[in-house]
Amino acid sequence: MNTITKEMPIGEVVQTYPQTIEVFLRHGLMCFGCAIARFENVEQGALAHGIDVEALMQDLNAAVPTAMSNPMTNDQ
């Protein structure tokens, strides 16, 4: 399951996962600091700027740590 979804507001993604700023910049999406970023979701922003949504989503999710592993599998 992905941590970041294309329905999430850009501002929320950046605030929650600051390491995604570099990913947005690399894909040419510079509007994360814009007032609209609080309301526009990742998909809307990407489409408005001609950015491949699926590639962006893959890179955004690769930039964030995965959820904690299941404690039941961490036998010592």
PDB file of N, CA and C in Angstrom:
ATOM      1  N   MET A   1       0.842  -1.191   0.000  1.00  0.00           N
ATOM      2  CA  MET A   1       0.000   0.000   0.000  1.00  0.00           C
ATOM      3  C   MET A   1       0.883   1.249   0.000  1.00  0.00           C
ATOM      4  N   ASN A   2       0.495   2.237  -0.776  1.00  0.00           N
ATOM      5  CA  ASN A   2       1.275   3.465  -0.865  1.00  0.00           C
ATOM      6  C   ASN A   2       1.000   4.376   0.319  1.00  0.00           C
ATOM      7  N   THR A   3       2.044   5.032   0.768  1.00  0.00           N
ATOM      8  CA  THR A   3       1.930   6.004   1.847  1.00  0.00           C
ATOM      9  C   THR A   3       1.306   7.290   1.331  1.00  0.00           C
ATOM     10  N   ILE A   4       1.746   7.711   0.155  1.00  0.00           N
ATOM     11  CA  ILE A   4       1.246   8.934  -0.469  1.00  0.00           C
ATOM     12  C   ILE A   4       0.318   8.532  -1.603  1.00  0.00           C
ATOM     13  N   THR A   5      -0.839   9.171  -1.651  1.00  0.00           N
ATOM     14  CA  THR A   5      -1.781   8.901  -2.735  1.00  0.00           C
ATOM     15  C   THR A   5      -1.927  10.148  -3.602  1.00  0.00           C
ATOM     16  N   LYS A   6      -2.385   9.955  -4.825  1.00  0.00           N
ATOM     17  CA  LYS A   6      -2.538  11.100  -5.727  1.00  0.00           C
ATOM     18  C   LYS A   6      -3.679  12.015  -5.325  1.00  0.00           C
ATOM     19  N   GLU A   7      -4.522  11.555  -4.399  1.00  0.00           N
ATOM     20  CA  GLU A   7      -5.624  12.379  -3.903  1.00  0.00           C
ATOM     21  C   GLU A   7      -5.203  13.318  -2.770  1.00  0.00           C
ATOM     22  N   MET A   8      -4.015  13.118  -2.226  1.00  0.00           N
ATOM     23  CA  MET A   8      -3.536  13.950  -1.112  1.00  0.00           C
ATOM     24  C   MET A   8      -3.165  15.351  -1.597  1.00  0.00           C
ATOM     25  N   PRO A   9      -3.523  16.392  -0.822  1.00  0.00           N
ATOM     26  CA  PRO A   9      -3.090  17.742  -1.184  1.00  0.00           C
ATOM     27  C   PRO A   9      -1.560  17.844  -1.203  1.00  0.00           C
ATOM     28  N   ILE A  10      -1.039  18.554  -2.167  1.00  0.00           N
ATOM     29  CA  ILE A  10       0.410  18.710  -2.290  1.00  0.00           C
ATOM     30  C   ILE A  10       1.005  19.281  -1.003  1.00  0.00           C
ATOM     31  N   GLY A  11       0.364  20.293  -0.437  1.00  0.00           N
ATOM     32  CA  GLY A  11       0.868  20.904   0.790  1.00  0.00           C
ATOM     33  C   GLY A  11       0.955  19.919   1.936  1.00  0.00           C
ATOM     34  N   GLU A  12      -0.012  19.029   2.038  1.00  0.00           N
ATOM     35  CA  GLU A  12      -0.002  18.009   3.096  1.00  0.00           C
ATOM     36  C   GLU A  12       1.156  17.036   2.894  1.00  0.00           C
ATOM     37  N   VAL A  13       1.392  16.652   1.643  1.00  0.00           N
ATOM     38  CA  VAL A  13       2.497  15.730   1.352  1.00  0.00           C
ATOM     39  C   VAL A  13       3.822  16.361   1.774  1.00  0.00           C
ATOM     40  N   VAL A  14       4.041  17.600   1.378  1.00  0.00           N
ATOM     41  CA  VAL A  14       5.300  18.287   1.669  1.00  0.00           C
ATOM     42  C   VAL A  14       5.458  18.530   3.170  1.00  0.00           C
ATOM     43  N   GLN A  15       4.373  18.886   3.835  1.00  0.00           N
ATOM     44  CA  GLN A  15       4.450  19.140   5.273  1.00  0.00           C
ATOM     45  C   GLN A  15       4.727  17.845   6.043  1.00  0.00           C
ATOM     46  N   THR A  16       4.078  16.779   5.649  1.00  0.00           N
ATOM     47  CA  THR A  16       4.243  15.505   6.338  1.00  0.00           C
ATOM     48  C   THR A  16       5.555  14.828   5.980  1.00  0.00           C
ATOM     49  N   TYR A  17       5.959  14.950   4.734  1.00  0.00           N
ATOM     50  CA  TYR A  17       7.171  14.298   4.227  1.00  0.00           C
ATOM     51  C   TYR A  17       8.050  15.318   3.508  1.00  0.00           C
ATOM     52  N   PRO A  18       8.808  16.126   4.253  1.00  0.00           N
ATOM     53  CA  PRO A  18       9.624  17.175   3.619  1.00  0.00           C
ATOM     54  C   PRO A  18      10.629  16.644   2.593  1.00  0.00           C
ATOM     55  N   GLN A  19      10.999  15.393   2.722  1.00  0.00           N
ATOM     56  CA  GLN A  19      11.955  14.815   1.772  1.00  0.00           C
ATOM     57  C   GLN A  19      11.361  14.701   0.367  1.00  0.00           C
ATOM     58  N   THR A  20      10.057  14.895   0.229  1.00  0.00           N
ATOM     59  CA  THR A  20       9.441  14.832  -1.098  1.00  0.00           C
ATOM     60  C   THR A  20       9.652  16.107  -1.911  1.00  0.00           C
ATOM     61  N   ILE A  21      10.087  17.162  -1.268  1.00  0.00           N
ATOM     62  CA  ILE A  21      10.334  18.422  -2.002  1.00  0.00           C
ATOM     63  C   ILE A  21      11.283  18.171  -3.169  1.00  0.00           C
ATOM     64  N   GLU A  22      12.340  17.430  -2.921  1.00  0.00           N
ATOM     65  CA  GLU A  22      13.319  17.132  -3.971  1.00  0.00           C
ATOM     66  C   GLU A  22      12.661  16.362  -5.122  1.00  0.00           C
ATOM     67  N   VAL A  23      11.764  15.462  -4.796  1.00  0.00           N
ATOM     68  CA  VAL A  23      11.069  14.680  -5.830  1.00  0.00           C
ATOM     69  C   VAL A  23      10.186  15.589  -6.677  1.00  0.00           C
ATOM     70  N   PHE A  24       9.404  16.450  -6.021  1.00  0.00           N
ATOM     71  CA  PHE A  24       8.564  17.386  -6.773  1.00  0.00           C
ATOM     72  C   PHE A  24       9.422  18.238  -7.704  1.00  0.00           C
ATOM     73  N   LEU A  25      10.539  18.752  -7.200  1.00  0.00           N
ATOM     74  CA  LEU A  25      11.422  19.582  -8.013  1.00  0.00           C
ATOM     75  C   LEU A  25      12.001  18.806  -9.183  1.00  0.00           C
ATOM     76  N   ARG A  26      12.423  17.585  -8.946  1.00  0.00           N
ATOM     77  CA  ARG A  26      13.015  16.755  -9.992  1.00  0.00           C
ATOM     78  C   ARG A  26      12.011  16.493 -11.127  1.00  0.00           C
ATOM     79  N   HIS A  27      10.745  16.426 -10.778  1.00  0.00           N
ATOM     80  CA  HIS A  27       9.705  16.186 -11.783  1.00  0.00           C
ATOM     81  C   HIS A  27       9.193  17.483 -12.407  1.00  0.00           C
ATOM     82  N   GLY A  28       9.680  18.621 -11.937  1.00  0.00           N
ATOM     83  CA  GLY A  28       9.278  19.900 -12.516  1.00  0.00           C
ATOM     84  C   GLY A  28       8.028  20.503 -11.906  1.00  0.00           C
ATOM     85  N   LEU A  29       7.627  19.999 -10.752  1.00  0.00           N
ATOM     86  CA  LEU A  29       6.449  20.541 -10.063  1.00  0.00           C
ATOM     87  C   LEU A  29       6.946  21.468  -8.960  1.00  0.00           C
ATOM     88  N   MET A  30       6.933  22.748  -9.255  1.00  0.00           N
ATOM     89  CA  MET A  30       7.493  23.746  -8.345  1.00  0.00           C
ATOM     90  C   MET A  30       6.450  24.398  -7.445  1.00  0.00           C
ATOM     91  N   CYS A  31       5.187  24.020  -7.585  1.00  0.00           N
ATOM     92  CA  CYS A  31       4.117  24.763  -6.918  1.00  0.00           C
ATOM     93  C   CYS A  31       3.843  24.312  -5.491  1.00  0.00           C
ATOM     94  N   PHE A  32       4.698  23.499  -4.899  1.00  0.00           N
ATOM     95  CA  PHE A  32       4.444  23.035  -3.529  1.00  0.00           C
ATOM     96  C   PHE A  32       4.457  24.183  -2.526  1.00  0.00           C
ATOM     97  N   GLY A  33       5.077  25.299  -2.844  1.00  0.00           N
ATOM     98  CA  GLY A  33       5.097  26.449  -1.947  1.00  0.00           C
ATOM     99  C   GLY A  33       3.981  27.447  -2.231  1.00  0.00           C
ATOM    100  N   CYS A  34       3.226  27.205  -3.273  1.00  0.00           N
ATOM    101  CA  CYS A  34       2.145  28.094  -3.699  1.00  0.00           C
ATOM    102  C   CYS A  34       0.908  27.899  -2.817  1.00  0.00           C
ATOM    103  N   ALA A  35       0.102  28.922  -2.682  1.00  0.00           N
ATOM    104  CA  ALA A  35      -1.108  28.843  -1.851  1.00  0.00           C
ATOM    105  C   ALA A  35      -2.072  27.773  -2.356  1.00  0.00           C
ATOM    106  N   ILE A  36      -2.095  27.531  -3.641  1.00  0.00           N
ATOM    107  CA  ILE A  36      -2.990  26.514  -4.212  1.00  0.00           C
ATOM    108  C   ILE A  36      -2.578  25.113  -3.754  1.00  0.00           C
ATOM    109  N   ALA A  37      -1.319  24.915  -3.422  1.00  0.00           N
ATOM    110  CA  ALA A  37      -0.831  23.592  -3.027  1.00  0.00           C
ATOM    111  C   ALA A  37      -1.553  23.049  -1.798  1.00  0.00           C
ATOM    112  N   ARG A  38      -2.140  23.934  -1.010  1.00  0.00           N
ATOM    113  CA  ARG A  38      -2.885  23.471   0.163  1.00  0.00           C
ATOM    114  C   ARG A  38      -4.172  22.774  -0.246  1.00  0.00           C
ATOM    115  N   PHE A  39      -4.686  23.093  -1.426  1.00  0.00           N
ATOM    116  CA  PHE A  39      -5.971  22.562  -1.869  1.00  0.00           C
ATOM    117  C   PHE A  39      -5.860  21.607  -3.057  1.00  0.00           C
ATOM    118  N   GLU A  40      -4.867  21.846  -3.911  1.00  0.00           N
ATOM    119  CA  GLU A  40      -4.706  21.028  -5.107  1.00  0.00           C
ATOM    120  C   GLU A  40      -4.041  19.707  -4.738  1.00  0.00           C
ATOM    121  N   ASN A  41      -4.587  18.603  -5.233  1.00  0.00           N
ATOM    122  CA  ASN A  41      -3.965  17.328  -4.901  1.00  0.00           C
ATOM    123  C   ASN A  41      -2.821  17.023  -5.868  1.00  0.00           C
ATOM    124  N   VAL A  42      -2.080  15.991  -5.563  1.00  0.00           N
ATOM    125  CA  VAL A  42      -0.889  15.646  -6.347  1.00  0.00           C
ATOM    126  C   VAL A  42      -1.252  15.407  -7.811  1.00  0.00           C
ATOM    127  N   GLU A  43      -2.311  14.664  -8.048  1.00  0.00           N
ATOM    128  CA  GLU A  43      -2.711  14.367  -9.423  1.00  0.00           C
ATOM    129  C   GLU A  43      -3.074  15.645 -10.178  1.00  0.00           C
ATOM    130  N   GLN A  44      -3.852  16.522  -9.572  1.00  0.00           N
ATOM    131  CA  GLN A  44      -4.253  17.771 -10.230  1.00  0.00           C
ATOM    132  C   GLN A  44      -3.033  18.619 -10.574  1.00  0.00           C
ATOM    133  N   GLY A  45      -2.106  18.735  -9.632  1.00  0.00           N
ATOM    134  CA  GLY A  45      -0.903  19.523  -9.874  1.00  0.00           C
ATOM    135  C   GLY A  45      -0.058  18.937 -10.987  1.00  0.00           C
ATOM    136  N   ALA A  46       0.097  17.623 -10.974  1.00  0.00           N
ATOM    137  CA  ALA A  46       0.905  16.969 -12.004  1.00  0.00           C
ATOM    138  C   ALA A  46       0.266  17.142 -13.382  1.00  0.00           C
ATOM    139  N   LEU A  47      -1.022  16.894 -13.473  1.00  0.00           N
ATOM    140  CA  LEU A  47      -1.709  17.019 -14.766  1.00  0.00           C
ATOM    141  C   LEU A  47      -1.670  18.454 -15.290  1.00  0.00           C
ATOM    142  N   ALA A  48      -1.809  19.419 -14.402  1.00  0.00           N
ATOM    143  CA  ALA A  48      -1.785  20.826 -14.809  1.00  0.00           C
ATOM    144  C   ALA A  48      -0.439  21.235 -15.395  1.00  0.00           C
ATOM    145  N   HIS A  49       0.612  20.512 -14.999  1.00  0.00           N
ATOM    146  CA  HIS A  49       1.962  20.852 -15.466  1.00  0.00           C
ATOM    147  C   HIS A  49       2.519  19.826 -16.440  1.00  0.00           C
ATOM    148  N   GLY A  50       1.666  18.911 -16.912  1.00  0.00           N
ATOM    149  CA  GLY A  50       2.107  17.932 -17.904  1.00  0.00           C
ATOM    150  C   GLY A  50       3.082  16.907 -17.365  1.00  0.00           C
ATOM    151  N   ILE A  51       2.948  16.568 -16.104  1.00  0.00           N
ATOM    152  CA  ILE A  51       3.863  15.626 -15.450  1.00  0.00           C
ATOM    153  C   ILE A  51       3.212  14.248 -15.388  1.00  0.00           C
ATOM    154  N   ASP A  52       4.004  13.217 -15.625  1.00  0.00           N
ATOM    155  CA  ASP A  52       3.538  11.830 -15.558  1.00  0.00           C
ATOM    156  C   ASP A  52       3.152  11.502 -14.117  1.00  0.00           C
ATOM    157  N   VAL A  53       1.861  11.348 -13.865  1.00  0.00           N
ATOM    158  CA  VAL A  53       1.345  11.148 -12.507  1.00  0.00           C
ATOM    159  C   VAL A  53       1.893   9.864 -11.895  1.00  0.00           C
ATOM    160  N   GLU A  54       1.877   8.782 -12.654  1.00  0.00           N
ATOM    161  CA  GLU A  54       2.317   7.488 -12.101  1.00  0.00           C
ATOM    162  C   GLU A  54       3.803   7.499 -11.749  1.00  0.00           C
ATOM    163  N   ALA A  55       4.628   8.105 -12.594  1.00  0.00           N
ATOM    164  CA  ALA A  55       6.063   8.195 -12.307  1.00  0.00           C
ATOM    165  C   ALA A  55       6.308   9.045 -11.065  1.00  0.00           C
ATOM    166  N   LEU A  56       5.575  10.154 -10.959  1.00  0.00           N
ATOM    167  CA  LEU A  56       5.698  11.020  -9.781  1.00  0.00           C
ATOM    168  C   LEU A  56       5.302  10.262  -8.526  1.00  0.00           C
ATOM    169  N   MET A  57       4.182   9.550  -8.583  1.00  0.00           N
ATOM    170  CA  MET A  57       3.718   8.805  -7.411  1.00  0.00           C
ATOM    171  C   MET A  57       4.727   7.748  -6.985  1.00  0.00           C
ATOM    172  N   GLN A  58       5.296   7.063  -7.947  1.00  0.00           N
ATOM    173  CA  GLN A  58       6.297   6.038  -7.639  1.00  0.00           C
ATOM    174  C   GLN A  58       7.493   6.658  -6.924  1.00  0.00           C
ATOM    175  N   ASP A  59       7.969   7.786  -7.423  1.00  0.00           N
ATOM    176  CA  ASP A  59       9.136   8.435  -6.823  1.00  0.00           C
ATOM    177  C   ASP A  59       8.811   9.048  -5.456  1.00  0.00           C
ATOM    178  N   LEU A  60       7.608   9.608  -5.310  1.00  0.00           N
ATOM    179  CA  LEU A  60       7.216  10.167  -4.015  1.00  0.00           C
ATOM    180  C   LEU A  60       7.188   9.072  -2.953  1.00  0.00           C
ATOM    181  N   ASN A  61       6.581   7.948  -3.287  1.00  0.00           N
ATOM    182  CA  ASN A  61       6.482   6.865  -2.314  1.00  0.00           C
ATOM    183  C   ASN A  61       7.833   6.205  -2.040  1.00  0.00           C
ATOM    184  N   ALA A  62       8.729   6.226  -3.024  1.00  0.00           N
ATOM    185  CA  ALA A  62      10.072   5.695  -2.808  1.00  0.00           C
ATOM    186  C   ALA A  62      10.867   6.588  -1.856  1.00  0.00           C
ATOM    187  N   ALA A  63      10.493   7.859  -1.768  1.00  0.00           N
ATOM    188  CA  ALA A  63      11.228   8.819  -0.937  1.00  0.00           C
ATOM    189  C   ALA A  63      10.835   8.762   0.539  1.00  0.00           C
ATOM    190  N   VAL A  64       9.713   8.126   0.847  1.00  0.00           N
ATOM    191  CA  VAL A  64       9.265   8.068   2.245  1.00  0.00           C
ATOM    192  C   VAL A  64       9.519   6.687   2.820  1.00  0.00           C
ATOM    193  N   PRO A  65       9.809   6.640   4.118  1.00  0.00           N
ATOM    194  CA  PRO A  65      10.060   5.330   4.730  1.00  0.00           C
ATOM    195  C   PRO A  65       8.807   4.468   4.700  1.00  0.00           C
ATOM    196  N   THR A  66       9.014   3.183   4.590  1.00  0.00           N
ATOM    197  CA  THR A  66       7.875   2.268   4.609  1.00  0.00           C
ATOM    198  C   THR A  66       7.320   2.195   6.024  1.00  0.00           C
ATOM    199  N   ALA A  67       6.090   1.738   6.125  1.00  0.00           N
ATOM    200  CA  ALA A  67       5.455   1.606   7.441  1.00  0.00           C
ATOM    201  C   ALA A  67       6.270   0.649   8.291  1.00  0.00           C
ATOM    202  N   MET A  68       6.120   0.809   9.593  1.00  0.00           N
ATOM    203  CA  MET A  68       6.851  -0.062  10.509  1.00  0.00           C
ATOM    204  C   MET A  68       6.547  -1.517  10.187  1.00  0.00           C
ATOM    205  N   SER A  69       7.576  -2.343  10.280  1.00  0.00           N
ATOM    206  CA  SER A  69       7.351  -3.758  10.000  1.00  0.00           C
ATOM    207  C   SER A  69       6.489  -4.371  11.096  1.00  0.00           C
ATOM    208  N   ASN A  70       5.876  -5.450  10.767  1.00  0.00           N
ATOM    209  CA  ASN A  70       4.997  -6.147  11.704  1.00  0.00           C
ATOM    210  C   ASN A  70       5.799  -6.629  12.888  1.00  0.00           C
ATOM    211  N   PRO A  71       5.467  -6.197  14.113  1.00  0.00           N
ATOM    212  CA  PRO A  71       6.231  -6.607  15.292  1.00  0.00           C
ATOM    213  C   PRO A  71       6.217  -8.107  15.502  1.00  0.00           C
ATOM    214  N   MET A  72       5.236  -8.800  14.954  1.00  0.00           N
ATOM    215  CA  MET A  72       5.154 -10.243  15.119  1.00  0.00           C
ATOM    216  C   MET A  72       6.260 -10.957  14.346  1.00  0.00           C
ATOM    217  N   THR A  73       6.866 -10.276  13.350  1.00  0.00           N
ATOM    218  CA  THR A  73       7.910 -10.909  12.554  1.00  0.00           C
ATOM    219  C   THR A  73       9.301 -10.525  13.027  1.00  0.00           C
ATOM    220  N   ASN A  74       9.400  -9.738  14.086  1.00  0.00           N
ATOM    221  CA  ASN A  74      10.685  -9.283  14.597  1.00  0.00           C
ATOM    222  C   ASN A  74      11.148 -10.139  15.770  1.00  0.00           C
ATOM    223  N   ASP A  75      11.192 -11.443  15.571  1.00  0.00           N
ATOM    224  CA  ASP A  75      11.640 -12.351  16.635  1.00  0.00           C
ATOM    225  C   ASP A  75      13.100 -12.129  16.927  1.00  0.00           C
ATOM    226  N   GLN A  76      13.410 -12.235  18.207  1.00  0.00           N
ATOM    227  CA  GLN A  76      14.805 -12.017  18.604  1.00  0.00           C
ATOM    228  C   GLN A  76      15.470 -13.297  18.989  1.00  0.00           C
TER     229      GLN A  76
END
